[in-house]
Amino acid sequence: MSAPLLSLRSVSKIFTLGTHEVRAVENVSFDVKQGECLAVVGESGSGKSTIANMILGIYPPSEGEILLKDVALPARRTLAHRRSIQLVQQNPLSSLNPKRSIGASLRLALDVHDIGPKSGRATRVGQLLEEVGLPADFARRSPASLSGGQRQRVAIARALACESEVVVLDEPTSALDVLVQARVLKLLDDLKRKRSLTYVFITHDLSVVRNVADRVAVFERGKLMELSDTETIFTAPKNPYTRKLIAAVPVVTPEEAALRDRLTMEA
């Protein structure tokens, strides 16, 4: 059996506030396999964003270690490490330089990581835009001229430009309306299948990941409460906190209504 692509081993994160210590994440271990989408879910304060920041190297773990392809990642990440693990943020407008064109932002990723021949990078920018469902001539436009969904597609294209091994998606659709959200989720799922991408999908909303996640890790107050495949999490959750989250998911079908009522009684 092949080694997991990304692993957390007994990871904790402790923040010190004056004389007080806050354990934002406590003794967490899980693996992420190549080509899968692992959703990390929980309410505000559950530790999911701290998990994302440690995977990205923004925070070093206080305890334990994070491994990429069975090799421990250092506290100070190299350029190669940063290329290997990319982030798609919640608000793409704040992550794109308003003074740069869309093409310049995508080209910067290629230049910084020296990806491909310089003479072909402008063409590669157009290809990346088309891969996320945008016309190649969007390269000339500014971030402010794009809709929220279009900007998020650009942010996804920038992560693809780095040819990263892991993409951390931090609430990537929470700022979008429902229709645009569905389209971006479909794009992410299509890209995952086409490129065999590996996602760590951070969200507070279980319904968002129902159709894109292979497995779900449920967090509460910094602790991993339950980790299972998505179908099991939605139909036979074991932890009372998971049942509470499932019961709060918006209901669409009579079958889902019956499941919600059952889980509410069990929670």
C-alpha atoms as a PDB file:
ATOM      1  CA  MET A   1       0.000   0.000   0.000  1.00  0.00           C
ATOM      2  CA  SER A   2       1.434   3.365  -1.018  1.00  0.00           C
ATOM      3  CA  ALA A   3       2.243   6.013   1.575  1.00  0.00           C
ATOM      4  CA  PRO A   4      -0.273   8.860   2.017  1.00  0.00           C
ATOM      5  CA  LEU A   5       0.518  12.115   0.253  1.00  0.00           C
ATOM      6  CA  LEU A   6      -0.012  14.293   3.342  1.00  0.00           C
ATOM      7  CA  SER A   7       0.009  13.205   6.988  1.00  0.00           C
ATOM      8  CA  LEU A   8      -0.516  14.879  10.338  1.00  0.00           C
ATOM      9  CA  ARG A   9       1.003  12.963  13.241  1.00  0.00           C
ATOM     10  CA  SER A  10      -0.068  13.876  16.798  1.00  0.00           C
ATOM     11  CA  VAL A  11      -0.218  17.555  15.841  1.00  0.00           C
ATOM     12  CA  SER A  12      -1.130  20.205  18.399  1.00  0.00           C
ATOM     13  CA  LYS A  13      -1.069  23.998  18.239  1.00  0.00           C
ATOM     14  CA  ILE A  14      -0.833  26.075  21.398  1.00  0.00           C
ATOM     15  CA  PHE A  15      -1.182  29.850  21.380  1.00  0.00           C
ATOM     16  CA  THR A  16       0.016  31.893  24.360  1.00  0.00           C
ATOM     17  CA  LEU A  17      -2.058  34.918  25.342  1.00  0.00           C
ATOM     18  CA  GLY A  18      -0.211  36.603  28.179  1.00  0.00           C
ATOM     19  CA  THR A  19      -0.014  33.947  30.867  1.00  0.00           C
ATOM     20  CA  HIS A  20      -2.827  31.910  29.353  1.00  0.00           C
ATOM     21  CA  GLU A  21      -2.384  29.027  26.906  1.00  0.00           C
ATOM     22  CA  VAL A  22      -5.007  28.150  24.316  1.00  0.00           C
ATOM     23  CA  ARG A  23      -4.857  24.725  22.694  1.00  0.00           C
ATOM     24  CA  ALA A  24      -6.364  25.530  19.303  1.00  0.00           C
ATOM     25  CA  VAL A  25      -5.633  22.017  17.984  1.00  0.00           C
ATOM     26  CA  GLU A  26      -4.998  19.017  20.209  1.00  0.00           C
ATOM     27  CA  ASN A  27      -3.258  15.762  19.265  1.00  0.00           C
ATOM     28  CA  VAL A  28      -4.638  15.442  15.738  1.00  0.00           C
ATOM     29  CA  SER A  29      -3.603  12.674  13.341  1.00  0.00           C
ATOM     30  CA  PHE A  30      -4.941  11.949   9.863  1.00  0.00           C
ATOM     31  CA  ASP A  31      -3.763  11.112   6.336  1.00  0.00           C
ATOM     32  CA  VAL A  32      -4.739  12.532   2.963  1.00  0.00           C
ATOM     33  CA  LYS A  33      -4.347  10.210  -0.006  1.00  0.00           C
ATOM     34  CA  GLN A  34      -3.247  11.208  -3.479  1.00  0.00           C
ATOM     35  CA  GLY A  35      -6.223  12.299  -5.571  1.00  0.00           C
ATOM     36  CA  GLU A  36      -8.769  12.587  -2.764  1.00  0.00           C
ATOM     37  CA  CYS A  37     -10.688  15.482  -1.273  1.00  0.00           C
ATOM     38  CA  LEU A  38     -10.651  15.518   2.525  1.00  0.00           C
ATOM     39  CA  ALA A  39     -13.135  17.988   3.980  1.00  0.00           C
ATOM     40  CA  VAL A  40     -12.246  19.497   7.358  1.00  0.00           C
ATOM     41  CA  VAL A  41     -15.479  20.748   8.897  1.00  0.00           C
ATOM     42  CA  GLY A  42     -16.616  22.308  12.139  1.00  0.00           C
ATOM     43  CA  GLU A  43     -18.123  25.406  13.639  1.00  0.00           C
ATOM     44  CA  SER A  44     -16.205  28.641  14.230  1.00  0.00           C
ATOM     45  CA  GLY A  45     -13.429  28.008  16.752  1.00  0.00           C
ATOM     46  CA  SER A  46     -13.213  24.301  15.956  1.00  0.00           C
ATOM     47  CA  GLY A  47      -9.561  24.532  14.865  1.00  0.00           C
ATOM     48  CA  LYS A  48     -10.085  23.891  11.170  1.00  0.00           C
ATOM     49  CA  SER A  49      -8.411  27.135  10.029  1.00  0.00           C
ATOM     50  CA  THR A  50      -5.481  26.479  12.360  1.00  0.00           C
ATOM     51  CA  ILE A  51      -5.132  23.041  10.735  1.00  0.00           C
ATOM     52  CA  ALA A  52      -5.048  24.725   7.314  1.00  0.00           C
ATOM     53  CA  ASN A  53      -2.448  27.260   8.427  1.00  0.00           C
ATOM     54  CA  MET A  54      -0.189  24.539   9.798  1.00  0.00           C
ATOM     55  CA  ILE A  55      -0.454  22.521   6.583  1.00  0.00           C
ATOM     56  CA  LEU A  56       0.470  25.672   4.632  1.00  0.00           C
ATOM     57  CA  GLY A  57       3.393  26.430   6.952  1.00  0.00           C
ATOM     58  CA  ILE A  58       1.958  29.712   8.233  1.00  0.00           C
ATOM     59  CA  TYR A  59       1.990  28.294  11.784  1.00  0.00           C
ATOM     60  CA  PRO A  60       4.482  25.649  12.909  1.00  0.00           C
ATOM     61  CA  PRO A  61       2.981  22.850  15.012  1.00  0.00           C
ATOM     62  CA  SER A  62       3.650  23.175  18.743  1.00  0.00           C
ATOM     63  CA  GLU A  63       3.763  19.386  18.944  1.00  0.00           C
ATOM     64  CA  GLY A  64       3.851  16.579  16.391  1.00  0.00           C
ATOM     65  CA  GLU A  65       4.780  16.794  12.723  1.00  0.00           C
ATOM     66  CA  ILE A  66       3.338  17.229   9.247  1.00  0.00           C
ATOM     67  CA  LEU A  67       4.685  15.028   6.467  1.00  0.00           C
ATOM     68  CA  LEU A  68       4.514  15.354   2.688  1.00  0.00           C
ATOM     69  CA  LYS A  69       5.146  12.056   0.907  1.00  0.00           C
ATOM     70  CA  ASP A  70       6.433  10.589   4.180  1.00  0.00           C
ATOM     71  CA  VAL A  71       9.013  13.378   4.683  1.00  0.00           C
ATOM     72  CA  ALA A  72       8.573  15.767   7.623  1.00  0.00           C
ATOM     73  CA  LEU A  73       8.000  19.381   6.574  1.00  0.00           C
ATOM     74  CA  PRO A  74      10.248  21.951   8.302  1.00  0.00           C
ATOM     75  CA  ALA A  75       8.902  24.898  10.289  1.00  0.00           C
ATOM     76  CA  ARG A  76      10.492  27.234   7.745  1.00  0.00           C
ATOM     77  CA  ARG A  77       9.221  26.181   4.335  1.00  0.00           C
ATOM     78  CA  THR A  78      11.343  26.453   1.221  1.00  0.00           C
ATOM     79  CA  LEU A  79      10.088  27.805  -2.110  1.00  0.00           C
ATOM     80  CA  ALA A  80       9.690  24.207  -3.291  1.00  0.00           C
ATOM     81  CA  HIS A  81       7.527  23.403  -0.258  1.00  0.00           C
ATOM     82  CA  ARG A  82       5.364  26.455  -0.909  1.00  0.00           C
ATOM     83  CA  ARG A  83       4.917  25.386  -4.504  1.00  0.00           C
ATOM     84  CA  SER A  84       3.884  21.881  -3.385  1.00  0.00           C
ATOM     85  CA  ILE A  85       1.065  23.135  -1.130  1.00  0.00           C
ATOM     86  CA  GLN A  86      -1.059  25.972  -2.505  1.00  0.00           C
ATOM     87  CA  LEU A  87      -3.985  27.921  -1.048  1.00  0.00           C
ATOM     88  CA  VAL A  88      -7.289  29.049  -2.540  1.00  0.00           C
ATOM     89  CA  GLN A  89      -8.658  31.676  -0.153  1.00  0.00           C
ATOM     90  CA  GLN A  90     -12.204  32.518   0.857  1.00  0.00           C
ATOM     91  CA  ASN A  91     -12.173  35.987  -0.698  1.00  0.00           C
ATOM     92  CA  PRO A  92     -10.361  35.987  -4.065  1.00  0.00           C
ATOM     93  CA  LEU A  93     -10.553  39.784  -4.382  1.00  0.00           C
ATOM     94  CA  SER A  94      -8.288  40.222  -1.357  1.00  0.00           C
ATOM     95  CA  SER A  95      -5.864  37.570  -2.639  1.00  0.00           C
ATOM     96  CA  LEU A  96      -5.425  39.162  -6.095  1.00  0.00           C
ATOM     97  CA  ASN A  97      -3.336  42.315  -6.477  1.00  0.00           C
ATOM     98  CA  PRO A  98      -5.764  44.999  -7.740  1.00  0.00           C
ATOM     99  CA  LYS A  99      -2.898  46.756  -9.559  1.00  0.00           C
ATOM    100  CA  ARG A 100      -2.032  43.676 -11.612  1.00  0.00           C
ATOM    101  CA  SER A 101      -3.949  42.270 -14.528  1.00  0.00           C
ATOM    102  CA  ILE A 102      -5.287  38.738 -14.242  1.00  0.00           C
ATOM    103  CA  GLY A 103      -2.608  37.587 -16.676  1.00  0.00           C
ATOM    104  CA  ALA A 104       0.161  39.238 -14.634  1.00  0.00           C
ATOM    105  CA  SER A 105      -1.029  37.519 -11.443  1.00  0.00           C
ATOM    106  CA  LEU A 106      -1.002  34.123 -13.106  1.00  0.00           C
ATOM    107  CA  ARG A 107       2.305  34.816 -14.842  1.00  0.00           C
ATOM    108  CA  LEU A 108       3.848  35.741 -11.475  1.00  0.00           C
ATOM    109  CA  ALA A 109       3.238  32.226 -10.158  1.00  0.00           C
ATOM    110  CA  LEU A 110       5.005  30.784 -13.204  1.00  0.00           C
ATOM    111  CA  ASP A 111       7.908  33.234 -12.873  1.00  0.00           C
ATOM    112  CA  VAL A 112       8.444  32.827  -9.126  1.00  0.00           C
ATOM    113  CA  HIS A 113       8.588  29.043  -9.397  1.00  0.00           C
ATOM    114  CA  ASP A 114      10.331  29.079 -12.817  1.00  0.00           C
ATOM    115  CA  ILE A 115       7.719  26.841 -14.406  1.00  0.00           C
ATOM    116  CA  GLY A 116       8.073  26.222 -18.124  1.00  0.00           C
ATOM    117  CA  PRO A 117      10.080  28.188 -20.704  1.00  0.00           C
ATOM    118  CA  LYS A 118       9.731  31.969 -20.421  1.00  0.00           C
ATOM    119  CA  SER A 119       8.731  32.246 -24.062  1.00  0.00           C
ATOM    120  CA  GLY A 120       5.704  30.032 -23.485  1.00  0.00           C
ATOM    121  CA  ARG A 121       4.380  31.492 -20.248  1.00  0.00           C
ATOM    122  CA  ALA A 122       1.934  33.930 -21.834  1.00  0.00           C
ATOM    123  CA  THR A 123       0.399  31.021 -23.736  1.00  0.00           C
ATOM    124  CA  ARG A 124       0.294  28.973 -20.527  1.00  0.00           C
ATOM    125  CA  VAL A 125      -1.633  31.776 -18.793  1.00  0.00           C
ATOM    126  CA  GLY A 126      -4.326  31.551 -21.479  1.00  0.00           C
ATOM    127  CA  GLN A 127      -4.456  27.774 -21.132  1.00  0.00           C
ATOM    128  CA  LEU A 128      -4.907  28.033 -17.351  1.00  0.00           C
ATOM    129  CA  LEU A 129      -7.790  30.478 -17.778  1.00  0.00           C
ATOM    130  CA  GLU A 130      -9.497  28.195 -20.276  1.00  0.00           C
ATOM    131  CA  GLU A 131      -8.992  25.217 -17.953  1.00  0.00           C
ATOM    132  CA  VAL A 132     -11.068  26.966 -15.273  1.00  0.00           C
ATOM    133  CA  GLY A 133     -13.764  27.987 -17.755  1.00  0.00           C
ATOM    134  CA  LEU A 134     -12.679  31.555 -18.544  1.00  0.00           C
ATOM    135  CA  PRO A 135     -11.718  33.016 -21.968  1.00  0.00           C
ATOM    136  CA  ALA A 136      -7.985  33.443 -22.539  1.00  0.00           C
ATOM    137  CA  ASP A 137      -8.493  37.172 -23.177  1.00  0.00           C
ATOM    138  CA  PHE A 138      -9.462  37.620 -19.513  1.00  0.00           C
ATOM    139  CA  ALA A 139      -5.686  37.864 -18.987  1.00  0.00           C
ATOM    140  CA  ARG A 140      -5.948  41.569 -19.887  1.00  0.00           C
ATOM    141  CA  ARG A 141      -8.668  42.331 -17.362  1.00  0.00           C
ATOM    142  CA  SER A 142      -8.356  43.606 -13.791  1.00  0.00           C
ATOM    143  CA  PRO A 143      -9.644  41.729 -10.710  1.00  0.00           C
ATOM    144  CA  ALA A 144     -12.204  44.482 -10.042  1.00  0.00           C
ATOM    145  CA  SER A 145     -13.818  43.931 -13.459  1.00  0.00           C
ATOM    146  CA  LEU A 146     -14.635  40.274 -12.689  1.00  0.00           C
ATOM    147  CA  SER A 147     -17.540  38.770 -10.761  1.00  0.00           C
ATOM    148  CA  GLY A 148     -16.941  36.891  -7.516  1.00  0.00           C
ATOM    149  CA  GLY A 149     -17.219  33.527  -9.229  1.00  0.00           C
ATOM    150  CA  GLN A 150     -14.828  34.587 -12.000  1.00  0.00           C
ATOM    151  CA  ARG A 151     -12.281  35.826  -9.472  1.00  0.00           C
ATOM    152  CA  GLN A 152     -12.459  32.523  -7.618  1.00  0.00           C
ATOM    153  CA  ARG A 153     -11.806  30.700 -10.888  1.00  0.00           C
ATOM    154  CA  VAL A 154      -8.697  32.858 -11.336  1.00  0.00           C
ATOM    155  CA  ALA A 155      -7.563  31.966  -7.808  1.00  0.00           C
ATOM    156  CA  ILE A 156      -7.995  28.283  -8.670  1.00  0.00           C
ATOM    157  CA  ALA A 157      -6.045  28.789 -11.905  1.00  0.00           C
ATOM    158  CA  ARG A 158      -3.192  30.341  -9.926  1.00  0.00           C
ATOM    159  CA  ALA A 159      -2.980  27.250  -7.712  1.00  0.00           C
ATOM    160  CA  LEU A 160      -3.011  25.068 -10.840  1.00  0.00           C
ATOM    161  CA  ALA A 161      -0.199  27.155 -12.327  1.00  0.00           C
ATOM    162  CA  CYS A 162       2.134  25.972  -9.575  1.00  0.00           C
ATOM    163  CA  GLU A 163       1.372  22.323 -10.373  1.00  0.00           C
ATOM    164  CA  SER A 164       1.022  21.797  -6.625  1.00  0.00           C
ATOM    165  CA  GLU A 165       0.624  18.434  -4.939  1.00  0.00           C
ATOM    166  CA  VAL A 166      -1.910  19.616  -2.344  1.00  0.00           C
ATOM    167  CA  VAL A 167      -4.456  22.424  -2.678  1.00  0.00           C
ATOM    168  CA  VAL A 168      -5.886  23.833   0.547  1.00  0.00           C
ATOM    169  CA  LEU A 169      -9.334  25.330  -0.108  1.00  0.00           C
ATOM    170  CA  ASP A 170     -10.305  27.686   2.725  1.00  0.00           C
ATOM    171  CA  GLU A 171     -14.078  28.271   2.544  1.00  0.00           C
ATOM    172  CA  PRO A 172     -13.682  28.788  -1.245  1.00  0.00           C
ATOM    173  CA  THR A 173     -17.395  29.218  -1.974  1.00  0.00           C
ATOM    174  CA  SER A 174     -18.780  30.869   1.175  1.00  0.00           C
ATOM    175  CA  ALA A 175     -18.646  34.362  -0.373  1.00  0.00           C
ATOM    176  CA  LEU A 176     -20.576  33.251  -3.483  1.00  0.00           C
ATOM    177  CA  ASP A 177     -24.293  32.972  -4.125  1.00  0.00           C
ATOM    178  CA  VAL A 178     -25.818  29.512  -4.336  1.00  0.00           C
ATOM    179  CA  LEU A 179     -25.812  29.161  -8.133  1.00  0.00           C
ATOM    180  CA  VAL A 180     -22.223  30.374  -8.544  1.00  0.00           C
ATOM    181  CA  GLN A 181     -21.191  28.228  -5.585  1.00  0.00           C
ATOM    182  CA  ALA A 182     -22.543  25.121  -7.312  1.00  0.00           C
ATOM    183  CA  ARG A 183     -20.647  25.947 -10.507  1.00  0.00           C
ATOM    184  CA  VAL A 184     -17.352  26.476  -8.670  1.00  0.00           C
ATOM    185  CA  LEU A 185     -17.813  23.226  -6.742  1.00  0.00           C
ATOM    186  CA  LYS A 186     -18.423  21.375 -10.007  1.00  0.00           C
ATOM    187  CA  LEU A 187     -15.283  22.951 -11.470  1.00  0.00           C
ATOM    188  CA  LEU A 188     -13.236  21.831  -8.455  1.00  0.00           C
ATOM    189  CA  ASP A 189     -14.585  18.302  -8.731  1.00  0.00           C
ATOM    190  CA  ASP A 190     -13.919  18.172 -12.483  1.00  0.00           C
ATOM    191  CA  LEU A 191     -10.347  19.426 -12.016  1.00  0.00           C
ATOM    192  CA  LYS A 192      -9.725  16.907  -9.243  1.00  0.00           C
ATOM    193  CA  ARG A 193     -10.741  14.044 -11.495  1.00  0.00           C
ATOM    194  CA  LYS A 194      -8.921  15.378 -14.570  1.00  0.00           C
ATOM    195  CA  ARG A 195      -5.652  16.210 -12.803  1.00  0.00           C
ATOM    196  CA  SER A 196      -5.830  13.750  -9.900  1.00  0.00           C
ATOM    197  CA  LEU A 197      -5.619  16.733  -7.565  1.00  0.00           C
ATOM    198  CA  THR A 198      -5.516  16.396  -3.796  1.00  0.00           C
ATOM    199  CA  TYR A 199      -7.692  18.787  -1.777  1.00  0.00           C
ATOM    200  CA  VAL A 200      -7.951  19.728   1.873  1.00  0.00           C
ATOM    201  CA  PHE A 201     -11.313  21.511   1.899  1.00  0.00           C
ATOM    202  CA  ILE A 202     -11.903  23.738   4.946  1.00  0.00           C
ATOM    203  CA  THR A 203     -15.537  24.671   5.608  1.00  0.00           C
ATOM    204  CA  HIS A 204     -18.132  25.202   8.311  1.00  0.00           C
ATOM    205  CA  ASP A 205     -20.877  23.994   5.970  1.00  0.00           C
ATOM    206  CA  LEU A 206     -21.262  20.239   5.562  1.00  0.00           C
ATOM    207  CA  SER A 207     -23.723  20.623   2.699  1.00  0.00           C
ATOM    208  CA  VAL A 208     -21.041  22.298   0.569  1.00  0.00           C
ATOM    209  CA  VAL A 209     -18.782  19.234   0.564  1.00  0.00           C
ATOM    210  CA  ARG A 210     -21.397  16.541   0.264  1.00  0.00           C
ATOM    211  CA  ASN A 211     -20.865  16.029  -3.461  1.00  0.00           C
ATOM    212  CA  VAL A 212     -17.141  16.806  -3.699  1.00  0.00           C
ATOM    213  CA  ALA A 213     -15.483  15.268  -0.623  1.00  0.00           C
ATOM    214  CA  ASP A 214     -14.310  11.662  -0.482  1.00  0.00           C
ATOM    215  CA  ARG A 215     -13.903  11.765   3.295  1.00  0.00           C
ATOM    216  CA  VAL A 216     -14.877  14.183   6.061  1.00  0.00           C
ATOM    217  CA  ALA A 217     -12.973  15.069   9.234  1.00  0.00           C
ATOM    218  CA  VAL A 218     -15.221  16.651  11.870  1.00  0.00           C
ATOM    219  CA  PHE A 219     -13.619  18.984  14.414  1.00  0.00           C
ATOM    220  CA  GLU A 220     -14.907  20.474  17.656  1.00  0.00           C
ATOM    221  CA  ARG A 221     -12.831  22.721  19.929  1.00  0.00           C
ATOM    222  CA  GLY A 222      -9.567  21.632  18.373  1.00  0.00           C
ATOM    223  CA  LYS A 223     -10.239  17.907  18.569  1.00  0.00           C
ATOM    224  CA  LEU A 224     -10.912  15.442  15.768  1.00  0.00           C
ATOM    225  CA  MET A 225     -14.315  14.014  16.666  1.00  0.00           C
ATOM    226  CA  GLU A 226     -14.966  11.774  13.670  1.00  0.00           C
ATOM    227  CA  LEU A 227     -13.303  10.839  10.382  1.00  0.00           C
ATOM    228  CA  SER A 228     -15.037   8.701   7.793  1.00  0.00           C
ATOM    229  CA  ASP A 229     -16.103   8.506   4.173  1.00  0.00           C
ATOM    230  CA  THR A 230     -18.669  11.097   3.143  1.00  0.00           C
ATOM    231  CA  GLU A 231     -21.548   8.649   2.729  1.00  0.00           C
ATOM    232  CA  THR A 232     -21.080   7.312   6.254  1.00  0.00           C
ATOM    233  CA  ILE A 233     -20.807  10.792   7.745  1.00  0.00           C
ATOM    234  CA  PHE A 234     -24.122  11.808   6.168  1.00  0.00           C
ATOM    235  CA  THR A 235     -26.097   8.606   6.702  1.00  0.00           C
ATOM    236  CA  ALA A 236     -24.641   6.955   9.814  1.00  0.00           C
ATOM    237  CA  PRO A 237     -22.592   9.460  11.841  1.00  0.00           C
ATOM    238  CA  LYS A 238     -21.312   8.048  15.128  1.00  0.00           C
ATOM    239  CA  ASN A 239     -20.426  11.154  17.122  1.00  0.00           C
ATOM    240  CA  PRO A 240     -23.209  13.276  18.701  1.00  0.00           C
ATOM    241  CA  TYR A 241     -21.513  16.468  17.481  1.00  0.00           C
ATOM    242  CA  THR A 242     -21.460  15.157  13.897  1.00  0.00           C
ATOM    243  CA  ARG A 243     -25.162  14.265  14.170  1.00  0.00           C
ATOM    244  CA  LYS A 244     -25.825  17.815  15.341  1.00  0.00           C
ATOM    245  CA  LEU A 245     -24.022  19.265  12.305  1.00  0.00           C
ATOM    246  CA  ILE A 246     -25.843  16.933   9.904  1.00  0.00           C
ATOM    247  CA  ALA A 247     -29.183  17.854  11.452  1.00  0.00           C
ATOM    248  CA  ALA A 248     -28.438  21.514  10.675  1.00  0.00           C
ATOM    249  CA  VAL A 249     -27.790  20.886   6.963  1.00  0.00           C
ATOM    250  CA  PRO A 250     -30.530  22.434   4.755  1.00  0.00           C
ATOM    251  CA  VAL A 251     -33.005  19.786   3.618  1.00  0.00           C
ATOM    252  CA  VAL A 252     -34.036  19.305  -0.009  1.00  0.00           C
ATOM    253  CA  THR A 253     -35.701  15.881  -0.375  1.00  0.00           C
ATOM    254  CA  PRO A 254     -38.191  13.949   1.819  1.00  0.00           C
ATOM    255  CA  GLU A 255     -35.478  11.337   2.409  1.00  0.00           C
ATOM    256  CA  GLU A 256     -33.142  14.019   3.726  1.00  0.00           C
ATOM    257  CA  ALA A 257     -35.946  15.390   5.918  1.00  0.00           C
ATOM    258  CA  ALA A 258     -36.458  11.961   7.463  1.00  0.00           C
ATOM    259  CA  LEU A 259     -32.720  11.603   8.046  1.00  0.00           C
ATOM    260  CA  ARG A 260     -32.577  15.049   9.650  1.00  0.00           C
ATOM    261  CA  ASP A 261     -35.445  14.218  12.002  1.00  0.00           C
ATOM    262  CA  ARG A 262     -33.806  10.921  13.004  1.00  0.00           C
ATOM    263  CA  LEU A 263     -30.439  12.526  13.681  1.00  0.00           C
ATOM    264  CA  THR A 264     -32.055  15.361  15.637  1.00  0.00           C
ATOM    265  CA  MET A 265     -33.700  12.825  17.940  1.00  0.00           C
ATOM    266  CA  GLU A 266     -30.379  10.976  18.380  1.00  0.00           C
ATOM    267  CA  ALA A 267     -28.246  14.081  18.987  1.00  0.00           C
END
